[in-house]
N, C-alpha and C. Protein backbone atom coordinates (compact mmCIF):
# COMPACT_ATOMS: atom_id res chain seq x y z
N MET A 1 -23.68 40.24 14.18
CA MET A 1 -23.13 41.37 14.93
C MET A 1 -21.92 40.90 15.73
N MET A 2 -20.99 41.78 15.83
CA MET A 2 -19.78 41.47 16.58
C MET A 2 -19.95 41.89 18.03
N ALA A 3 -19.51 41.03 18.93
CA ALA A 3 -19.60 41.32 20.37
C ALA A 3 -18.36 42.12 20.78
N TYR A 4 -18.43 43.44 20.59
CA TYR A 4 -17.26 44.29 20.82
C TYR A 4 -16.74 44.18 22.25
N ALA A 5 -17.62 44.21 23.23
CA ALA A 5 -17.19 44.17 24.63
C ALA A 5 -16.41 42.89 24.93
N GLU A 6 -16.88 41.76 24.43
CA GLU A 6 -16.19 40.49 24.66
C GLU A 6 -14.83 40.48 23.98
N HIS A 7 -14.76 41.02 22.78
CA HIS A 7 -13.49 41.06 22.05
C HIS A 7 -12.48 41.97 22.76
N ILE A 8 -12.94 43.09 23.26
CA ILE A 8 -12.05 44.01 23.97
C ILE A 8 -11.54 43.36 25.26
N GLU A 9 -12.42 42.68 25.99
CA GLU A 9 -12.01 41.98 27.21
C GLU A 9 -10.98 40.89 26.92
N SER A 10 -11.07 40.27 25.77
CA SER A 10 -10.13 39.21 25.38
C SER A 10 -8.89 39.75 24.67
N ASN A 11 -8.76 41.08 24.62
CA ASN A 11 -7.64 41.74 23.94
C ASN A 11 -7.53 41.36 22.47
N LEU A 12 -8.66 41.16 21.81
CA LEU A 12 -8.68 40.87 20.39
C LEU A 12 -8.85 42.17 19.61
N PRO A 13 -8.23 42.27 18.44
CA PRO A 13 -8.38 43.51 17.66
C PRO A 13 -9.80 43.63 17.10
N ILE A 14 -10.32 44.85 17.15
CA ILE A 14 -11.67 45.07 16.63
C ILE A 14 -11.68 46.01 15.44
N GLY A 15 -10.54 46.56 15.10
CA GLY A 15 -10.47 47.48 13.97
C GLY A 15 -9.76 46.86 12.79
N SER A 16 -9.66 47.61 11.72
CA SER A 16 -9.03 47.10 10.51
C SER A 16 -7.55 47.50 10.42
N GLY A 17 -7.06 48.22 11.39
CA GLY A 17 -5.68 48.70 11.36
C GLY A 17 -4.66 47.58 11.28
N VAL A 18 -4.87 46.50 12.02
CA VAL A 18 -3.95 45.37 12.01
C VAL A 18 -3.92 44.73 10.63
N THR A 19 -5.09 44.56 10.03
CA THR A 19 -5.18 43.96 8.70
C THR A 19 -4.53 44.86 7.65
N GLU A 20 -4.80 46.15 7.74
CA GLU A 20 -4.21 47.09 6.78
C GLU A 20 -2.70 47.14 6.91
N ALA A 21 -2.19 47.08 8.12
CA ALA A 21 -0.74 47.08 8.32
C ALA A 21 -0.11 45.81 7.75
N ALA A 22 -0.78 44.69 7.92
CA ALA A 22 -0.26 43.42 7.37
C ALA A 22 -0.24 43.48 5.84
N CYS A 23 -1.27 44.04 5.25
CA CYS A 23 -1.31 44.17 3.79
C CYS A 23 -0.17 45.06 3.31
N LYS A 24 0.08 46.13 4.02
CA LYS A 24 1.16 47.04 3.62
C LYS A 24 2.50 46.33 3.72
N THR A 25 2.70 45.59 4.81
CA THR A 25 3.98 44.91 5.02
C THR A 25 4.17 43.76 4.05
N LEU A 26 3.15 42.94 3.88
CA LEU A 26 3.28 41.74 3.04
C LEU A 26 3.20 42.04 1.55
N VAL A 27 2.29 42.90 1.17
CA VAL A 27 2.01 43.08 -0.25
C VAL A 27 2.67 44.32 -0.83
N LYS A 28 2.32 45.45 -0.29
CA LYS A 28 2.73 46.72 -0.88
C LYS A 28 4.24 46.85 -1.01
N GLN A 29 4.97 46.52 0.07
CA GLN A 29 6.42 46.69 0.03
C GLN A 29 7.08 45.77 -0.99
N ARG A 30 6.51 44.60 -1.21
CA ARG A 30 7.14 43.63 -2.11
C ARG A 30 6.74 43.81 -3.56
N LEU A 31 5.49 44.10 -3.82
CA LEU A 31 4.98 44.11 -5.19
C LEU A 31 4.97 45.49 -5.86
N CYS A 32 5.15 46.53 -5.09
CA CYS A 32 4.98 47.87 -5.65
C CYS A 32 6.28 48.66 -5.72
N GLY A 33 7.38 47.97 -5.99
CA GLY A 33 8.65 48.66 -6.15
C GLY A 33 8.72 49.38 -7.48
N SER A 34 9.66 50.26 -7.60
CA SER A 34 9.82 51.05 -8.81
C SER A 34 10.08 50.14 -10.02
N GLY A 35 9.26 50.28 -11.03
CA GLY A 35 9.42 49.52 -12.28
C GLY A 35 8.96 48.07 -12.23
N MET A 36 8.39 47.64 -11.12
CA MET A 36 7.95 46.24 -11.00
C MET A 36 6.61 46.03 -11.66
N ARG A 37 6.50 44.88 -12.34
CA ARG A 37 5.22 44.45 -12.91
C ARG A 37 5.10 42.97 -12.61
N TRP A 38 3.94 42.55 -12.15
CA TRP A 38 3.72 41.16 -11.76
C TRP A 38 2.49 40.61 -12.47
N LYS A 39 2.59 39.39 -12.93
CA LYS A 39 1.41 38.67 -13.42
C LYS A 39 0.80 37.98 -12.20
N ASP A 40 -0.47 37.60 -12.29
CA ASP A 40 -1.17 37.02 -11.15
C ASP A 40 -0.45 35.80 -10.58
N LYS A 41 -0.02 34.91 -11.45
CA LYS A 41 0.62 33.68 -10.98
C LYS A 41 1.91 33.97 -10.20
N GLY A 42 2.75 34.83 -10.73
CA GLY A 42 4.00 35.18 -10.05
C GLY A 42 3.76 35.90 -8.74
N ALA A 43 2.79 36.80 -8.73
CA ALA A 43 2.47 37.54 -7.50
C ALA A 43 1.96 36.60 -6.42
N LYS A 44 1.12 35.64 -6.79
CA LYS A 44 0.60 34.68 -5.80
C LYS A 44 1.72 33.86 -5.18
N VAL A 45 2.66 33.42 -6.01
CA VAL A 45 3.77 32.62 -5.50
C VAL A 45 4.64 33.43 -4.55
N ILE A 46 5.03 34.62 -4.95
CA ILE A 46 5.92 35.43 -4.12
C ILE A 46 5.24 35.87 -2.84
N LEU A 47 3.95 36.15 -2.88
CA LEU A 47 3.23 36.54 -1.66
C LEU A 47 3.07 35.36 -0.71
N SER A 48 2.87 34.16 -1.24
CA SER A 48 2.79 32.98 -0.39
C SER A 48 4.10 32.75 0.34
N LEU A 49 5.21 32.85 -0.38
CA LEU A 49 6.52 32.68 0.25
C LEU A 49 6.80 33.78 1.27
N ARG A 50 6.45 35.00 0.92
CA ARG A 50 6.69 36.12 1.84
C ARG A 50 5.87 35.96 3.11
N ALA A 51 4.63 35.51 3.00
CA ALA A 51 3.80 35.30 4.18
C ALA A 51 4.40 34.22 5.07
N LEU A 52 4.90 33.14 4.47
CA LEU A 52 5.52 32.08 5.26
C LEU A 52 6.77 32.56 5.98
N VAL A 53 7.60 33.32 5.28
CA VAL A 53 8.84 33.81 5.88
C VAL A 53 8.55 34.78 7.03
N GLN A 54 7.54 35.60 6.88
CA GLN A 54 7.26 36.61 7.90
C GLN A 54 6.35 36.12 9.02
N THR A 55 5.91 34.87 8.98
CA THR A 55 5.09 34.31 10.05
C THR A 55 6.02 33.72 11.10
N GLN A 56 6.06 34.35 12.26
CA GLN A 56 6.96 33.89 13.31
C GLN A 56 6.58 32.50 13.78
N GLY A 57 7.59 31.65 13.96
CA GLY A 57 7.35 30.30 14.45
C GLY A 57 6.94 29.32 13.37
N ARG A 58 6.80 29.78 12.15
CA ARG A 58 6.32 28.91 11.06
C ARG A 58 7.34 27.84 10.69
N TRP A 59 8.62 28.14 10.77
CA TRP A 59 9.66 27.22 10.30
C TRP A 59 10.27 26.38 11.42
N GLN A 60 9.70 26.41 12.61
CA GLN A 60 10.28 25.65 13.73
C GLN A 60 9.94 24.18 13.64
């Protein structure tokens, strides 16, 4: 069970909205363009690079 009260006091997210927004930003916008088709290997590579680029402070 998740300790909701403790998470709220610590300002931690308790819903799935943050995760869903990250999926939309990282995956949907990049892989679901008009006419795009991706094989698993290519999609994994491009998503790994996209996650690294969009992670603030990662390249410092």
